[in-house]
Amino acid sequence: MFLSKYIKHCKTQNSLTYTNNLVDMKIMVLTLMVFVILLTSFAAPNKAADTNLGAACDPKQLQPCLAAITGGGQPSGDCCAKLKDQQPCLCGFAKNPAFAQYISSPNSRKVLTACGIPYPSC
């Protein structure tokens, strides 16, 4: 009788230990994921800024161009002005995986042409 209770107790303890280890592992993985996300989000703008010619590279400045690039419409005057300001940064944006799809899209070439800005050769 004592042996069966002891075995039952050990199984319960092992189960609790396994559950605690699993929770600890989940917390560690979650912490690591948050760290990687934070690291990449801070590193991405710096990559673009490193390749510019002194301009303040800010991809948010190109927000007025998003509709023309994703939808293929005509760019607004504000879009063209922002593109001219951010022109030295386009290669940096093209090398950044977060923005590359927008810079390399066919509509992006159309928008740049409509704004009189040459497509960057990186």
PDB file of N, CA and C in Angstrom:
ATOM      1  N   MET A   1       0.819  -1.177   0.000  1.00  0.00           N
ATOM      2  CA  MET A   1       0.000   0.000   0.000  1.00  0.00           C
ATOM      3  C   MET A   1       0.877   1.261   0.000  1.00  0.00           C
ATOM      4  N   PHE A   2       1.865   1.288   0.838  1.00  0.00           N
ATOM      5  CA  PHE A   2       2.758   2.439   0.890  1.00  0.00           C
ATOM      6  C   PHE A   2       3.471   2.629  -0.443  1.00  0.00           C
ATOM      7  N   LEU A   3       3.895   1.516  -1.042  1.00  0.00           N
ATOM      8  CA  LEU A   3       4.604   1.577  -2.313  1.00  0.00           C
ATOM      9  C   LEU A   3       3.717   2.154  -3.409  1.00  0.00           C
ATOM     10  N   SER A   4       2.456   1.753  -3.455  1.00  0.00           N
ATOM     11  CA  SER A   4       1.551   2.271  -4.489  1.00  0.00           C
ATOM     12  C   SER A   4       1.301   3.769  -4.296  1.00  0.00           C
ATOM     13  N   LYS A   5       1.188   4.210  -3.038  1.00  0.00           N
ATOM     14  CA  LYS A   5       1.011   5.641  -2.774  1.00  0.00           C
ATOM     15  C   LYS A   5       2.266   6.419  -3.166  1.00  0.00           C
ATOM     16  N   TYR A   6       3.425   5.838  -2.887  1.00  0.00           N
ATOM     17  CA  TYR A   6       4.683   6.491  -3.230  1.00  0.00           C
ATOM     18  C   TYR A   6       4.835   6.620  -4.749  1.00  0.00           C
ATOM     19  N   ILE A   7       4.485   5.556  -5.477  1.00  0.00           N
ATOM     20  CA  ILE A   7       4.556   5.589  -6.943  1.00  0.00           C
ATOM     21  C   ILE A   7       3.596   6.644  -7.485  1.00  0.00           C
ATOM     22  N   LYS A   8       2.401   6.688  -6.918  1.00  0.00           N
ATOM     23  CA  LYS A   8       1.417   7.686  -7.349  1.00  0.00           C
ATOM     24  C   LYS A   8       1.946   9.102  -7.080  1.00  0.00           C
ATOM     25  N   HIS A   9       2.556   9.281  -5.913  1.00  0.00           N
ATOM     26  CA  HIS A   9       3.134  10.580  -5.550  1.00  0.00           C
ATOM     27  C   HIS A   9       4.254  10.972  -6.524  1.00  0.00           C
ATOM     28  N   CYS A  10       5.109  10.023  -6.874  1.00  0.00           N
ATOM     29  CA  CYS A  10       6.210  10.295  -7.805  1.00  0.00           C
ATOM     30  C   CYS A  10       5.686  10.675  -9.177  1.00  0.00           C
ATOM     31  N   LYS A  11       4.662   9.972  -9.625  1.00  0.00           N
ATOM     32  CA  LYS A  11       4.083  10.302 -10.937  1.00  0.00           C
ATOM     33  C   LYS A  11       3.508  11.710 -10.919  1.00  0.00           C
ATOM     34  N   THR A  12       2.844  12.079  -9.835  1.00  0.00           N
ATOM     35  CA  THR A  12       2.280  13.417  -9.716  1.00  0.00           C
ATOM     36  C   THR A  12       3.398  14.454  -9.697  1.00  0.00           C
ATOM     37  N   GLN A  13       4.450  14.201  -8.942  1.00  0.00           N
ATOM     38  CA  GLN A  13       5.579  15.122  -8.874  1.00  0.00           C
ATOM     39  C   GLN A  13       6.250  15.267 -10.236  1.00  0.00           C
ATOM     40  N   ASN A  14       6.441  14.148 -10.941  1.00  0.00           N
ATOM     41  CA  ASN A  14       7.048  14.207 -12.271  1.00  0.00           C
ATOM     42  C   ASN A  14       6.172  14.992 -13.226  1.00  0.00           C
ATOM     43  N   SER A  15       4.872  14.808 -13.106  1.00  0.00           N
ATOM     44  CA  SER A  15       3.944  15.538 -13.968  1.00  0.00           C
ATOM     45  C   SER A  15       4.029  17.038 -13.689  1.00  0.00           C
ATOM     46  N   LEU A  16       4.084  17.391 -12.403  1.00  0.00           N
ATOM     47  CA  LEU A  16       4.190  18.805 -12.050  1.00  0.00           C
ATOM     48  C   LEU A  16       5.527  19.383 -12.498  1.00  0.00           C
ATOM     49  N   THR A  17       6.585  18.624 -12.342  1.00  0.00           N
ATOM     50  CA  THR A  17       7.901  19.080 -12.779  1.00  0.00           C
ATOM     51  C   THR A  17       7.914  19.278 -14.282  1.00  0.00           C
ATOM     52  N   TYR A  18       7.322  18.335 -15.003  1.00  0.00           N
ATOM     53  CA  TYR A  18       7.244  18.446 -16.460  1.00  0.00           C
ATOM     54  C   TYR A  18       6.449  19.688 -16.843  1.00  0.00           C
ATOM     55  N   THR A  19       5.317  19.921 -16.166  1.00  0.00           N
ATOM     56  CA  THR A  19       4.487  21.088 -16.460  1.00  0.00           C
ATOM     57  C   THR A  19       5.252  22.373 -16.156  1.00  0.00           C
ATOM     58  N   ASN A  20       5.945  22.416 -15.028  1.00  0.00           N
ATOM     59  CA  ASN A  20       6.726  23.609 -14.683  1.00  0.00           C
ATOM     60  C   ASN A  20       7.844  23.843 -15.695  1.00  0.00           C
ATOM     61  N   ASN A  21       8.512  22.777 -16.111  1.00  0.00           N
ATOM     62  CA  ASN A  21       9.572  22.923 -17.109  1.00  0.00           C
ATOM     63  C   ASN A  21       9.009  23.424 -18.428  1.00  0.00           C
ATOM     64  N   LEU A  22       7.834  22.931 -18.791  1.00  0.00           N
ATOM     65  CA  LEU A  22       7.192  23.358 -20.031  1.00  0.00           C
ATOM     66  C   LEU A  22       6.835  24.841 -19.966  1.00  0.00           C
ATOM     67  N   VAL A  23       6.304  25.275 -18.832  1.00  0.00           N
ATOM     68  CA  VAL A  23       5.960  26.688 -18.661  1.00  0.00           C
ATOM     69  C   VAL A  23       7.230  27.538 -18.716  1.00  0.00           C
ATOM     70  N   ASP A  24       8.284  27.088 -18.034  1.00  0.00           N
ATOM     71  CA  ASP A  24       9.551  27.819 -18.072  1.00  0.00           C
ATOM     72  C   ASP A  24      10.089  27.919 -19.492  1.00  0.00           C
ATOM     73  N   MET A  25       9.973  26.836 -20.247  1.00  0.00           N
ATOM     74  CA  MET A  25      10.472  26.832 -21.618  1.00  0.00           C
ATOM     75  C   MET A  25       9.652  27.786 -22.489  1.00  0.00           C
ATOM     76  N   LYS A  26       8.338  27.796 -22.286  1.00  0.00           N
ATOM     77  CA  LYS A  26       7.490  28.707 -23.060  1.00  0.00           C
ATOM     78  C   LYS A  26       7.839  30.161 -22.760  1.00  0.00           C
ATOM     79  N   ILE A  27       8.089  30.457 -21.497  1.00  0.00           N
ATOM     80  CA  ILE A  27       8.457  31.822 -21.119  1.00  0.00           C
ATOM     81  C   ILE A  27       9.793  32.198 -21.746  1.00  0.00           C
ATOM     82  N   MET A  28      10.740  31.264 -21.747  1.00  0.00           N
ATOM     83  CA  MET A  28      12.046  31.545 -22.328  1.00  0.00           C
ATOM     84  C   MET A  28      11.931  31.773 -23.838  1.00  0.00           C
ATOM     85  N   VAL A  29      11.139  30.953 -24.523  1.00  0.00           N
ATOM     86  CA  VAL A  29      10.961  31.114 -25.969  1.00  0.00           C
ATOM     87  C   VAL A  29      10.268  32.440 -26.266  1.00  0.00           C
ATOM     88  N   LEU A  30       9.254  32.773 -25.497  1.00  0.00           N
ATOM     89  CA  LEU A  30       8.543  34.037 -25.692  1.00  0.00           C
ATOM     90  C   LEU A  30       9.477  35.229 -25.467  1.00  0.00           C
ATOM     91  N   THR A  31      10.294  35.157 -24.434  1.00  0.00           N
ATOM     92  CA  THR A  31      11.256  36.226 -24.166  1.00  0.00           C
ATOM     93  C   THR A  31      12.248  36.364 -25.315  1.00  0.00           C
ATOM     94  N   LEU A  32      12.728  35.243 -25.816  1.00  0.00           N
ATOM     95  CA  LEU A  32      13.662  35.265 -26.939  1.00  0.00           C
ATOM     96  C   LEU A  32      13.010  35.866 -28.185  1.00  0.00           C
ATOM     97  N   MET A  33      11.748  35.499 -28.443  1.00  0.00           N
ATOM     98  CA  MET A  33      11.043  36.045 -29.607  1.00  0.00           C
ATOM     99  C   MET A  33      10.884  37.561 -29.490  1.00  0.00           C
ATOM    100  N   VAL A  34      10.517  38.034 -28.313  1.00  0.00           N
ATOM    101  CA  VAL A  34      10.365  39.476 -28.100  1.00  0.00           C
ATOM    102  C   VAL A  34      11.703  40.180 -28.312  1.00  0.00           C
ATOM    103  N   PHE A  35      12.772  39.588 -27.808  1.00  0.00           N
ATOM    104  CA  PHE A  35      14.105  40.168 -27.984  1.00  0.00           C
ATOM    105  C   PHE A  35      14.474  40.260 -29.460  1.00  0.00           C
ATOM    106  N   VAL A  36      14.217  39.191 -30.222  1.00  0.00           N
ATOM    107  CA  VAL A  36      14.547  39.186 -31.654  1.00  0.00           C
ATOM    108  C   VAL A  36      13.716  40.227 -32.393  1.00  0.00           C
ATOM    109  N   ILE A  37      12.438  40.319 -32.065  1.00  0.00           N
ATOM    110  CA  ILE A  37      11.569  41.306 -32.718  1.00  0.00           C
ATOM    111  C   ILE A  37      12.062  42.726 -32.418  1.00  0.00           C
ATOM    112  N   LEU A  38      12.382  42.985 -31.178  1.00  0.00           N
ATOM    113  CA  LEU A  38      12.891  44.316 -30.827  1.00  0.00           C
ATOM    114  C   LEU A  38      14.221  44.602 -31.504  1.00  0.00           C
ATOM    115  N   LEU A  39      15.081  43.613 -31.543  1.00  0.00           N
ATOM    116  CA  LEU A  39      16.387  43.794 -32.172  1.00  0.00           C
ATOM    117  C   LEU A  39      16.246  44.101 -33.656  1.00  0.00           C
ATOM    118  N   THR A  40      15.389  43.368 -34.352  1.00  0.00           N
ATOM    119  CA  THR A  40      15.231  43.600 -35.790  1.00  0.00           C
ATOM    120  C   THR A  40      14.485  44.897 -36.074  1.00  0.00           C
ATOM    121  N   SER A  41      13.563  45.274 -35.214  1.00  0.00           N
ATOM    122  CA  SER A  41      12.833  46.517 -35.478  1.00  0.00           C
ATOM    123  C   SER A  41      13.729  47.738 -35.285  1.00  0.00           C
ATOM    124  N   PHE A  42      14.685  47.667 -34.378  1.00  0.00           N
ATOM    125  CA  PHE A  42      15.610  48.782 -34.207  1.00  0.00           C
ATOM    126  C   PHE A  42      16.725  48.749 -35.235  1.00  0.00           C
ATOM    127  N   ALA A  43      17.086  47.576 -35.704  1.00  0.00           N
ATOM    128  CA  ALA A  43      18.180  47.455 -36.670  1.00  0.00           C
ATOM    129  C   ALA A  43      17.739  47.860 -38.074  1.00  0.00           C
ATOM    130  N   ALA A  44      16.486  47.649 -38.422  1.00  0.00           N
ATOM    131  CA  ALA A  44      16.019  47.905 -39.782  1.00  0.00           C
ATOM    132  C   ALA A  44      16.177  49.372 -40.203  1.00  0.00           C
ATOM    133  N   PRO A  45      15.701  50.353 -39.423  1.00  0.00           N
ATOM    134  CA  PRO A  45      15.889  51.737 -39.855  1.00  0.00           C
ATOM    135  C   PRO A  45      17.358  52.141 -39.916  1.00  0.00           C
ATOM    136  N   ASN A  46      18.195  51.583 -39.065  1.00  0.00           N
ATOM    137  CA  ASN A  46      19.610  51.936 -39.080  1.00  0.00           C
ATOM    138  C   ASN A  46      20.287  51.473 -40.353  1.00  0.00           C
ATOM    139  N   LYS A  47      19.884  50.310 -40.885  1.00  0.00           N
ATOM    140  CA  LYS A  47      20.471  49.844 -42.137  1.00  0.00           C
ATOM    141  C   LYS A  47      20.188  50.845 -43.250  1.00  0.00           C
ATOM    142  N   ALA A  48      18.944  51.312 -43.312  1.00  0.00           N
ATOM    143  CA  ALA A  48      18.590  52.275 -44.350  1.00  0.00           C
ATOM    144  C   ALA A  48      19.344  53.581 -44.134  1.00  0.00           C
ATOM    145  N   ALA A  49      19.485  53.987 -42.895  1.00  0.00           N
ATOM    146  CA  ALA A  49      20.167  55.249 -42.613  1.00  0.00           C
ATOM    147  C   ALA A  49      21.655  55.165 -42.931  1.00  0.00           C
ATOM    148  N   ASP A  50      22.246  53.970 -42.800  1.00  0.00           N
ATOM    149  CA  ASP A  50      23.670  53.828 -43.077  1.00  0.00           C
ATOM    150  C   ASP A  50      23.996  53.989 -44.551  1.00  0.00           C
ATOM    151  N   THR A  51      23.045  53.715 -45.430  1.00  0.00           N
ATOM    152  CA  THR A  51      23.331  53.746 -46.858  1.00  0.00           C
ATOM    153  C   THR A  51      22.909  55.058 -47.509  1.00  0.00           C
ATOM    154  N   ASN A  52      22.465  56.025 -46.728  1.00  0.00           N
ATOM    155  CA  ASN A  52      22.012  57.277 -47.342  1.00  0.00           C
ATOM    156  C   ASN A  52      23.166  58.251 -47.501  1.00  0.00           C
ATOM    157  N   LEU A  53      22.862  59.375 -48.076  1.00  0.00           N
ATOM    158  CA  LEU A  53      23.883  60.398 -48.303  1.00  0.00           C
ATOM    159  C   LEU A  53      23.661  61.592 -47.386  1.00  0.00           C
ATOM    160  N   GLY A  54      23.205  61.350 -46.192  1.00  0.00           N
ATOM    161  CA  GLY A  54      22.980  62.428 -45.247  1.00  0.00           C
ATOM    162  C   GLY A  54      21.511  62.743 -45.036  1.00  0.00           C
ATOM    163  N   ALA A  55      20.627  62.171 -45.809  1.00  0.00           N
ATOM    164  CA  ALA A  55      19.201  62.418 -45.637  1.00  0.00           C
ATOM    165  C   ALA A  55      18.699  61.647 -44.424  1.00  0.00           C
ATOM    166  N   ALA A  56      17.626  62.131 -43.838  1.00  0.00           N
ATOM    167  CA  ALA A  56      17.002  61.434 -42.719  1.00  0.00           C
ATOM    168  C   ALA A  56      16.065  60.381 -43.293  1.00  0.00           C
ATOM    169  N   CYS A  57      16.531  59.153 -43.347  1.00  0.00           N
ATOM    170  CA  CYS A  57      15.746  58.071 -43.942  1.00  0.00           C
ATOM    171  C   CYS A  57      14.630  57.655 -42.998  1.00  0.00           C
ATOM    172  N   ASP A  58      13.421  57.836 -43.452  1.00  0.00           N
ATOM    173  CA  ASP A  58      12.251  57.474 -42.664  1.00  0.00           C
ATOM    174  C   ASP A  58      11.204  56.911 -43.610  1.00  0.00           C
ATOM    175  N   PRO A  59      11.027  55.590 -43.631  1.00  0.00           N
ATOM    176  CA  PRO A  59      10.062  54.993 -44.556  1.00  0.00           C
ATOM    177  C   PRO A  59       8.631  55.461 -44.313  1.00  0.00           C
ATOM    178  N   LYS A  60       8.335  55.950 -43.116  1.00  0.00           N
ATOM    179  CA  LYS A  60       6.988  56.455 -42.833  1.00  0.00           C
ATOM    180  C   LYS A  60       6.675  57.687 -43.675  1.00  0.00           C
ATOM    181  N   GLN A  61       7.722  58.398 -44.109  1.00  0.00           N
ATOM    182  CA  GLN A  61       7.519  59.587 -44.936  1.00  0.00           C
ATOM    183  C   GLN A  61       6.913  59.231 -46.294  1.00  0.00           C
ATOM    184  N   LEU A  62       7.060  57.964 -46.705  1.00  0.00           N
ATOM    185  CA  LEU A  62       6.545  57.540 -48.011  1.00  0.00           C
ATOM    186  C   LEU A  62       5.111  57.027 -47.935  1.00  0.00           C
ATOM    187  N   GLN A  63       4.456  57.218 -46.809  1.00  0.00           N
ATOM    188  CA  GLN A  63       3.065  56.786 -46.636  1.00  0.00           C
ATOM    189  C   GLN A  63       2.145  57.344 -47.725  1.00  0.00           C
ATOM    190  N   PRO A  64       2.303  58.602 -48.182  1.00  0.00           N
ATOM    191  CA  PRO A  64       1.424  59.108 -49.240  1.00  0.00           C
ATOM    192  C   PRO A  64       1.551  58.330 -50.554  1.00  0.00           C
ATOM    193  N   CYS A  65       2.625  57.571 -50.724  1.00  0.00           N
ATOM    194  CA  CYS A  65       2.845  56.816 -51.962  1.00  0.00           C
ATOM    195  C   CYS A  65       2.281  55.400 -51.899  1.00  0.00           C
ATOM    196  N   LEU A  66       1.857  54.968 -50.732  1.00  0.00           N
ATOM    197  CA  LEU A  66       1.453  53.573 -50.562  1.00  0.00           C
ATOM    198  C   LEU A  66       0.300  53.178 -51.477  1.00  0.00           C
ATOM    199  N   ALA A  67      -0.707  54.033 -51.596  1.00  0.00           N
ATOM    200  CA  ALA A  67      -1.858  53.701 -52.445  1.00  0.00           C
ATOM    201  C   ALA A  67      -1.443  53.576 -53.908  1.00  0.00           C
ATOM    202  N   ALA A  68      -0.585  54.464 -54.376  1.00  0.00           N
ATOM    203  CA  ALA A  68      -0.142  54.413 -55.773  1.00  0.00           C
ATOM    204  C   ALA A  68       0.728  53.182 -56.024  1.00  0.00           C
ATOM    205  N   ILE A  69       1.555  52.814 -55.061  1.00  0.00           N
ATOM    206  CA  ILE A  69       2.446  51.664 -55.245  1.00  0.00           C
ATOM    207  C   ILE A  69       1.675  50.353 -55.151  1.00  0.00           C
ATOM    208  N   THR A  70       0.760  50.252 -54.203  1.00  0.00           N
ATOM    209  CA  THR A  70       0.021  48.996 -54.048  1.00  0.00           C
ATOM    210  C   THR A  70      -1.140  48.886 -55.023  1.00  0.00           C
ATOM    211  N   GLY A  71      -1.727  50.020 -55.409  1.00  0.00           N
ATOM    212  CA  GLY A  71      -2.889  49.971 -56.289  1.00  0.00           C
ATOM    213  C   GLY A  71      -2.608  50.320 -57.735  1.00  0.00           C
ATOM    214  N   GLY A  72      -1.461  50.886 -58.010  1.00  0.00           N
ATOM    215  CA  GLY A  72      -1.109  51.215 -59.382  1.00  0.00           C
ATOM    216  C   GLY A  72      -1.672  52.524 -59.886  1.00  0.00           C
ATOM    217  N   GLY A  73      -2.158  53.377 -59.000  1.00  0.00           N
ATOM    218  CA  GLY A  73      -2.711  54.658 -59.424  1.00  0.00           C
ATOM    219  C   GLY A  73      -1.636  55.712 -59.623  1.00  0.00           C
ATOM    220  N   GLN A  74      -2.073  56.924 -59.927  1.00  0.00           N
ATOM    221  CA  GLN A  74      -1.153  58.046 -60.109  1.00  0.00           C
ATOM    222  C   GLN A  74      -0.705  58.565 -58.741  1.00  0.00           C
ATOM    223  N   PRO A  75       0.568  58.886 -58.606  1.00  0.00           N
ATOM    224  CA  PRO A  75       1.041  59.415 -57.327  1.00  0.00           C
ATOM    225  C   PRO A  75       0.600  60.866 -57.134  1.00  0.00           C
ATOM    226  N   SER A  76       0.385  61.220 -55.891  1.00  0.00           N
ATOM    227  CA  SER A  76       0.007  62.595 -55.566  1.00  0.00           C
ATOM    228  C   SER A  76       1.256  63.478 -55.559  1.00  0.00           C
ATOM    229  N   GLY A  77       1.036  64.775 -55.536  1.00  0.00           N
ATOM    230  CA  GLY A  77       2.148  65.713 -55.448  1.00  0.00           C
ATOM    231  C   GLY A  77       2.927  65.528 -54.150  1.00  0.00           C
ATOM    232  N   ASP A  78       2.202  65.233 -53.082  1.00  0.00           N
ATOM    233  CA  ASP A  78       2.844  64.991 -51.792  1.00  0.00           C
ATOM    234  C   ASP A  78       3.731  63.747 -51.864  1.00  0.00           C
ATOM    235  N   CYS A  79       3.241  62.726 -52.562  1.00  0.00           N
ATOM    236  CA  CYS A  79       4.023  61.498 -52.744  1.00  0.00           C
ATOM    237  C   CYS A  79       5.328  61.810 -53.470  1.00  0.00           C
ATOM    238  N   CYS A  80       5.244  62.536 -54.563  1.00  0.00           N
ATOM    239  CA  CYS A  80       6.450  62.863 -55.346  1.00  0.00           C
ATOM    240  C   CYS A  80       7.433  63.697 -54.528  1.00  0.00           C
ATOM    241  N   ALA A  81       6.912  64.628 -53.739  1.00  0.00           N
ATOM    242  CA  ALA A  81       7.791  65.455 -52.904  1.00  0.00           C
ATOM    243  C   ALA A  81       8.509  64.598 -51.867  1.00  0.00           C
ATOM    244  N   LYS A  82       7.775  63.679 -51.265  1.00  0.00           N
ATOM    245  CA  LYS A  82       8.387  62.800 -50.260  1.00  0.00           C
ATOM    246  C   LYS A  82       9.403  61.863 -50.906  1.00  0.00           C
ATOM    247  N   LEU A  83       9.089  61.371 -52.103  1.00  0.00           N
ATOM    248  CA  LEU A  83      10.039  60.502 -52.804  1.00  0.00           C
ATOM    249  C   LEU A  83      11.336  61.243 -53.113  1.00  0.00           C
ATOM    250  N   LYS A  84      11.210  62.500 -53.517  1.00  0.00           N
ATOM    251  CA  LYS A  84      12.422  63.285 -53.799  1.00  0.00           C
ATOM    252  C   LYS A  84      13.249  63.490 -52.533  1.00  0.00           C
ATOM    253  N   ASP A  85      12.569  63.721 -51.409  1.00  0.00           N
ATOM    254  CA  ASP A  85      13.283  63.874 -50.138  1.00  0.00           C
ATOM    255  C   ASP A  85      13.981  62.576 -49.726  1.00  0.00           C
ATOM    256  N   GLN A  86      13.322  61.460 -49.969  1.00  0.00           N
ATOM    257  CA  GLN A  86      13.832  60.157 -49.531  1.00  0.00           C
ATOM    258  C   GLN A  86      14.631  59.432 -50.616  1.00  0.00           C
ATOM    259  N   GLN A  87      14.858  60.067 -51.752  1.00  0.00           N
ATOM    260  CA  GLN A  87      15.554  59.420 -52.874  1.00  0.00           C
ATOM    261  C   GLN A  87      16.901  58.807 -52.479  1.00  0.00           C
ATOM    262  N   PRO A  88      17.738  59.485 -51.681  1.00  0.00           N
ATOM    263  CA  PRO A  88      19.014  58.866 -51.300  1.00  0.00           C
ATOM    264  C   PRO A  88      18.845  57.607 -50.449  1.00  0.00           C
ATOM    265  N   CYS A  89      17.665  57.411 -49.909  1.00  0.00           N
ATOM    266  CA  CYS A  89      17.423  56.281 -49.008  1.00  0.00           C
ATOM    267  C   CYS A  89      16.858  55.059 -49.726  1.00  0.00           C
ATOM    268  N   LEU A  90      16.480  55.191 -50.988  1.00  0.00           N
ATOM    269  CA  LEU A  90      15.768  54.113 -51.671  1.00  0.00           C
ATOM    270  C   LEU A  90      16.571  52.821 -51.729  1.00  0.00           C
ATOM    271  N   CYS A  91      17.875  52.894 -51.925  1.00  0.00           N
ATOM    272  CA  CYS A  91      18.692  51.666 -51.938  1.00  0.00           C
ATOM    273  C   CYS A  91      18.672  50.994 -50.568  1.00  0.00           C
ATOM    274  N   GLY A  92      18.751  51.782 -49.524  1.00  0.00           N
ATOM    275  CA  GLY A  92      18.673  51.222 -48.174  1.00  0.00           C
ATOM    276  C   GLY A  92      17.339  50.559 -47.924  1.00  0.00           C
ATOM    277  N   PHE A  93      16.258  51.190 -48.390  1.00  0.00           N
ATOM    278  CA  PHE A  93      14.939  50.585 -48.240  1.00  0.00           C
ATOM    279  C   PHE A  93      14.840  49.302 -49.059  1.00  0.00           C
ATOM    280  N   ALA A  94      15.418  49.306 -50.262  1.00  0.00           N
ATOM    281  CA  ALA A  94      15.354  48.125 -51.138  1.00  0.00           C
ATOM    282  C   ALA A  94      16.106  46.944 -50.535  1.00  0.00           C
ATOM    283  N   LYS A  95      17.140  47.213 -49.752  1.00  0.00           N
ATOM    284  CA  LYS A  95      17.916  46.137 -49.126  1.00  0.00           C
ATOM    285  C   LYS A  95      17.281  45.642 -47.835  1.00  0.00           C
ATOM    286  N   ASN A  96      16.318  46.375 -47.324  1.00  0.00           N
ATOM    287  CA  ASN A  96      15.635  46.002 -46.093  1.00  0.00           C
ATOM    288  C   ASN A  96      14.458  45.091 -46.438  1.00  0.00           C
ATOM    289  N   PRO A  97      14.425  43.854 -45.916  1.00  0.00           N
ATOM    290  CA  PRO A  97      13.347  42.921 -46.257  1.00  0.00           C
ATOM    291  C   PRO A  97      11.947  43.451 -45.948  1.00  0.00           C
ATOM    292  N   ALA A  98      11.831  44.352 -45.002  1.00  0.00           N
ATOM    293  CA  ALA A  98      10.514  44.890 -44.660  1.00  0.00           C
ATOM    294  C   ALA A  98       9.959  45.799 -45.752  1.00  0.00           C
ATOM    295  N   PHE A  99      10.833  46.412 -46.545  1.00  0.00           N
ATOM    296  CA  PHE A  99      10.390  47.378 -47.554  1.00  0.00           C
ATOM    297  C   PHE A  99      10.720  46.969 -48.983  1.00  0.00           C
ATOM    298  N   ALA A 100      11.511  45.939 -49.162  1.00  0.00           N
ATOM    299  CA  ALA A 100      11.996  45.550 -50.492  1.00  0.00           C
ATOM    300  C   ALA A 100      10.863  45.279 -51.472  1.00  0.00           C
ATOM    301  N   GLN A 101       9.790  44.644 -50.998  1.00  0.00           N
ATOM    302  CA  GLN A 101       8.689  44.314 -51.909  1.00  0.00           C
ATOM    303  C   GLN A 101       8.043  45.558 -52.510  1.00  0.00           C
ATOM    304  N   TYR A 102       8.049  46.646 -51.767  1.00  0.00           N
ATOM    305  CA  TYR A 102       7.449  47.879 -52.282  1.00  0.00           C
ATOM    306  C   TYR A 102       8.379  48.575 -53.278  1.00  0.00           C
ATOM    307  N   ILE A 103       9.659  48.589 -52.981  1.00  0.00           N
ATOM    308  CA  ILE A 103      10.620  49.270 -53.849  1.00  0.00           C
ATOM    309  C   ILE A 103      10.792  48.522 -55.165  1.00  0.00           C
ATOM    310  N   SER A 104      10.745  47.191 -55.116  1.00  0.00           N
ATOM    311  CA  SER A 104      10.999  46.397 -56.325  1.00  0.00           C
ATOM    312  C   SER A 104       9.737  46.078 -57.118  1.00  0.00           C
ATOM    313  N   SER A 105       8.584  46.553 -56.689  1.00  0.00           N
ATOM    314  CA  SER A 105       7.343  46.237 -57.408  1.00  0.00           C
ATOM    315  C   SER A 105       7.256  47.021 -58.724  1.00  0.00           C
ATOM    316  N   PRO A 106       6.544  46.468 -59.710  1.00  0.00           N
ATOM    317  CA  PRO A 106       6.371  47.188 -60.987  1.00  0.00           C
ATOM    318  C   PRO A 106       5.688  48.550 -60.800  1.00  0.00           C
ATOM    319  N   ASN A 107       4.743  48.624 -59.863  1.00  0.00           N
ATOM    320  CA  ASN A 107       4.061  49.898 -59.619  1.00  0.00           C
ATOM    321  C   ASN A 107       5.014  50.937 -59.042  1.00  0.00           C
ATOM    322  N   SER A 108       6.004  50.486 -58.304  1.00  0.00           N
ATOM    323  CA  SER A 108       6.994  51.414 -57.763  1.00  0.00           C
ATOM    324  C   SER A 108       7.758  52.100 -58.893  1.00  0.00           C
ATOM    325  N   ARG A 109       8.125  51.332 -59.901  1.00  0.00           N
ATOM    326  CA  ARG A 109       8.809  51.923 -61.068  1.00  0.00           C
ATOM    327  C   ARG A 109       7.922  52.961 -61.753  1.00  0.00           C
ATOM    328  N   LYS A 110       6.628  52.651 -61.867  1.00  0.00           N
ATOM    329  CA  LYS A 110       5.692  53.589 -62.502  1.00  0.00           C
ATOM    330  C   LYS A 110       5.584  54.881 -61.691  1.00  0.00           C
ATOM    331  N   VAL A 111       5.518  54.736 -60.373  1.00  0.00           N
ATOM    332  CA  VAL A 111       5.408  55.913 -59.506  1.00  0.00           C
ATOM    333  C   VAL A 111       6.675  56.764 -59.610  1.00  0.00           C
ATOM    334  N   LEU A 112       7.834  56.118 -59.578  1.00  0.00           N
ATOM    335  CA  LEU A 112       9.092  56.864 -59.698  1.00  0.00           C
ATOM    336  C   LEU A 112       9.173  57.586 -61.041  1.00  0.00           C
ATOM    337  N   THR A 113       8.771  56.906 -62.109  1.00  0.00           N
ATOM    338  CA  THR A 113       8.788  57.522 -63.441  1.00  0.00           C
ATOM    339  C   THR A 113       7.837  58.713 -63.491  1.00  0.00           C
ATOM    340  N   ALA A 114       6.622  58.539 -62.939  1.00  0.00           N
ATOM    341  CA  ALA A 114       5.641  59.622 -62.941  1.00  0.00           C
ATOM    342  C   ALA A 114       6.136  60.826 -62.139  1.00  0.00           C
ATOM    343  N   CYS A 115       6.945  60.577 -61.125  1.00  0.00           N
ATOM    344  CA  CYS A 115       7.482  61.666 -60.300  1.00  0.00           C
ATOM    345  C   CYS A 115       8.794  62.219 -60.851  1.00  0.00           C
ATOM    346  N   GLY A 116       9.296  61.631 -61.936  1.00  0.00           N
ATOM    347  CA  GLY A 116      10.540  62.106 -62.531  1.00  0.00           C
ATOM    348  C   GLY A 116      11.775  61.723 -61.726  1.00  0.00           C
ATOM    349  N   ILE A 117      11.689  60.616 -61.020  1.00  0.00           N
ATOM    350  CA  ILE A 117      12.811  60.146 -60.201  1.00  0.00           C
ATOM    351  C   ILE A 117      13.344  58.864 -60.823  1.00  0.00           C
ATOM    352  N   PRO A 118      14.642  58.785 -61.078  1.00  0.00           N
ATOM    353  CA  PRO A 118      15.192  57.562 -61.671  1.00  0.00           C
ATOM    354  C   PRO A 118      15.128  56.398 -60.684  1.00  0.00           C
ATOM    355  N   TYR A 119      14.897  55.209 -61.230  1.00  0.00           N
ATOM    356  CA  TYR A 119      14.874  54.009 -60.395  1.00  0.00           C
ATOM    357  C   TYR A 119      16.288  53.767 -59.871  1.00  0.00           C
ATOM    358  N   PRO A 120      16.431  53.496 -58.585  1.00  0.00           N
ATOM    359  CA  PRO A 120      17.783  53.357 -58.024  1.00  0.00           C
ATOM    360  C   PRO A 120      18.500  52.113 -58.544  1.00  0.00           C
ATOM    361  N   SER A 121      19.764  52.260 -58.818  1.00  0.00           N
ATOM    362  CA  SER A 121      20.585  51.103 -59.190  1.00  0.00           C
ATOM    363  C   SER A 121      21.504  50.823 -58.007  1.00  0.00           C
ATOM    364  N   CYS A 122      21.112  49.839 -57.237  1.00  0.00           N
ATOM    365  CA  CYS A 122      21.840  49.528 -55.991  1.00  0.00           C
ATOM    366  C   CYS A 122      22.870  48.447 -56.229  1.00  0.00           C
TER     367      CYS A 122
END
